[in-house]
Amino acid sequence: MGDISFHNWWERVSNAASEITRKGINSLIILGAWILWTHRNNCVFDGAAPSVTGALAVAEDERRSWSLAGARGLSLLAAFASGG
């Protein structure tokens, strides 16, 4: 990918998404960045062991919580992903 910044990558992905999925994509990117940031901080400052499986489990729990709290775009993406 070369020297592309996170911001530039995010902008490209968001602009490439259809209008109906854009909010969900942006929410998913924000959620992913937040999960990585908090997992990294737990490892660095609290001595937690790095765990992809653990981070993905937390991400799925957070996605459900965000959807229940009204993040309709995430709910829409989940429906697309499940084929419904």
C-alpha atoms as a PDB file:
ATOM      1  CA  MET A   1       0.000   0.000   0.000  1.00  0.00           C
ATOM      2  CA  GLY A   2       2.989   2.326   0.222  1.00  0.00           C
ATOM      3  CA  ASP A   3       2.969   5.388   2.433  1.00  0.00           C
ATOM      4  CA  ILE A   4      -0.752   5.893   2.864  1.00  0.00           C
ATOM      5  CA  SER A   5      -1.891   7.372   6.144  1.00  0.00           C
ATOM      6  CA  PHE A   6      -4.750   5.953   8.179  1.00  0.00           C
ATOM      7  CA  HIS A   7      -6.747   9.091   7.434  1.00  0.00           C
ATOM      8  CA  ASN A   8      -6.201   8.803   3.674  1.00  0.00           C
ATOM      9  CA  TRP A   9      -7.061   5.101   3.704  1.00  0.00           C
ATOM     10  CA  TRP A  10     -10.221   5.779   5.718  1.00  0.00           C
ATOM     11  CA  GLU A  11     -11.249   8.538   3.341  1.00  0.00           C
ATOM     12  CA  ARG A  12     -10.774   6.257   0.307  1.00  0.00           C
ATOM     13  CA  VAL A  13     -12.783   3.436   1.885  1.00  0.00           C
ATOM     14  CA  SER A  14     -15.558   5.779   2.986  1.00  0.00           C
ATOM     15  CA  ASN A  15     -15.790   7.453  -0.417  1.00  0.00           C
ATOM     16  CA  ALA A  16     -15.896   4.080  -2.177  1.00  0.00           C
ATOM     17  CA  ALA A  17     -18.802   2.839  -0.051  1.00  0.00           C
ATOM     18  CA  SER A  18     -22.339   3.284  -1.221  1.00  0.00           C
ATOM     19  CA  GLU A  19     -24.380   5.960   0.495  1.00  0.00           C
ATOM     20  CA  ILE A  20     -26.484   3.356   2.274  1.00  0.00           C
ATOM     21  CA  THR A  21     -23.450   1.621   3.863  1.00  0.00           C
ATOM     22  CA  ARG A  22     -21.171   4.633   4.442  1.00  0.00           C
ATOM     23  CA  LYS A  23     -22.285   5.319   8.037  1.00  0.00           C
ATOM     24  CA  GLY A  24     -21.842   1.673   8.951  1.00  0.00           C
ATOM     25  CA  ILE A  25     -18.393   1.503   7.355  1.00  0.00           C
ATOM     26  CA  ASN A  26     -17.300   4.648   9.194  1.00  0.00           C
ATOM     27  CA  SER A  27     -18.664   3.309  12.494  1.00  0.00           C
ATOM     28  CA  LEU A  28     -16.883   0.003  11.928  1.00  0.00           C
ATOM     29  CA  ILE A  29     -13.574   1.774  11.246  1.00  0.00           C
ATOM     30  CA  ILE A  30     -13.948   3.930  14.362  1.00  0.00           C
ATOM     31  CA  LEU A  31     -14.818   0.856  16.422  1.00  0.00           C
ATOM     32  CA  GLY A  32     -11.843  -1.070  15.047  1.00  0.00           C
ATOM     33  CA  ALA A  33      -9.434   1.777  15.782  1.00  0.00           C
ATOM     34  CA  TRP A  34     -10.863   2.122  19.300  1.00  0.00           C
ATOM     35  CA  ILE A  35     -10.513  -1.617  19.999  1.00  0.00           C
ATOM     36  CA  LEU A  36      -6.905  -1.648  18.758  1.00  0.00           C
ATOM     37  CA  TRP A  37      -6.062   1.449  20.798  1.00  0.00           C
ATOM     38  CA  THR A  38      -7.574   0.150  24.040  1.00  0.00           C
ATOM     39  CA  HIS A  39      -6.113  -3.351  23.566  1.00  0.00           C
ATOM     40  CA  ARG A  40      -2.680  -1.880  22.952  1.00  0.00           C
ATOM     41  CA  ASN A  41      -2.979   0.288  26.062  1.00  0.00           C
ATOM     42  CA  ASN A  42      -4.032  -2.733  28.140  1.00  0.00           C
ATOM     43  CA  CYS A  43      -0.957  -4.605  26.915  1.00  0.00           C
ATOM     44  CA  VAL A  44       1.475  -1.720  27.426  1.00  0.00           C
ATOM     45  CA  PHE A  45       0.190  -0.243  30.677  1.00  0.00           C
ATOM     46  CA  ASP A  46      -1.629  -3.123  32.386  1.00  0.00           C
ATOM     47  CA  GLY A  47       0.568  -6.033  31.354  1.00  0.00           C
ATOM     48  CA  ALA A  48      -2.163  -7.841  29.397  1.00  0.00           C
ATOM     49  CA  ALA A  49      -1.013 -10.404  26.855  1.00  0.00           C
ATOM     50  CA  PRO A  50      -1.648  -9.465  23.208  1.00  0.00           C
ATOM     51  CA  SER A  51      -4.550 -11.519  21.872  1.00  0.00           C
ATOM     52  CA  VAL A  52      -6.160 -11.230  18.460  1.00  0.00           C
ATOM     53  CA  THR A  53      -8.937 -13.571  19.599  1.00  0.00           C
ATOM     54  CA  GLY A  54      -9.566 -11.471  22.702  1.00  0.00           C
ATOM     55  CA  ALA A  55      -9.581  -8.206  20.758  1.00  0.00           C
ATOM     56  CA  LEU A  56     -12.024  -9.644  18.204  1.00  0.00           C
ATOM     57  CA  ALA A  57     -14.332 -10.872  20.982  1.00  0.00           C
ATOM     58  CA  VAL A  58     -14.330  -7.409  22.563  1.00  0.00           C
ATOM     59  CA  ALA A  59     -14.955  -5.857  19.131  1.00  0.00           C
ATOM     60  CA  GLU A  60     -17.994  -8.086  18.561  1.00  0.00           C
ATOM     61  CA  ASP A  61     -19.396  -7.263  22.011  1.00  0.00           C
ATOM     62  CA  GLU A  62     -18.862  -3.548  21.376  1.00  0.00           C
ATOM     63  CA  ARG A  63     -20.452  -3.789  17.923  1.00  0.00           C
ATOM     64  CA  ARG A  64     -23.554  -5.326  19.473  1.00  0.00           C
ATOM     65  CA  SER A  65     -23.643  -2.621  22.155  1.00  0.00           C
ATOM     66  CA  TRP A  66     -23.219   0.161  19.586  1.00  0.00           C
ATOM     67  CA  SER A  67     -26.006  -1.340  17.483  1.00  0.00           C
ATOM     68  CA  LEU A  68     -28.318  -1.561  20.490  1.00  0.00           C
ATOM     69  CA  ALA A  69     -27.450   2.042  21.351  1.00  0.00           C
ATOM     70  CA  GLY A  70     -28.623   3.184  17.934  1.00  0.00           C
ATOM     71  CA  ALA A  71     -25.712   2.797  15.511  1.00  0.00           C
ATOM     72  CA  ARG A  72     -28.067   1.835  12.675  1.00  0.00           C
ATOM     73  CA  GLY A  73     -25.279   1.738  10.123  1.00  0.00           C
ATOM     74  CA  LEU A  74     -23.573  -1.077  12.017  1.00  0.00           C
ATOM     75  CA  SER A  75     -26.848  -2.979  12.255  1.00  0.00           C
ATOM     76  CA  LEU A  76     -27.314  -2.564   8.516  1.00  0.00           C
ATOM     77  CA  LEU A  77     -23.816  -3.898   7.797  1.00  0.00           C
ATOM     78  CA  ALA A  78     -24.443  -6.880  10.067  1.00  0.00           C
ATOM     79  CA  ALA A  79     -27.655  -7.605   8.167  1.00  0.00           C
ATOM     80  CA  PHE A  80     -25.783  -7.425   4.828  1.00  0.00           C
ATOM     81  CA  ALA A  81     -23.036  -9.693   6.175  1.00  0.00           C
ATOM     82  CA  SER A  82     -25.527 -12.301   7.337  1.00  0.00           C
ATOM     83  CA  GLY A  83     -27.375 -12.185   4.039  1.00  0.00           C
ATOM     84  CA  GLY A  84     -30.553 -10.754   5.530  1.00  0.00           C
END
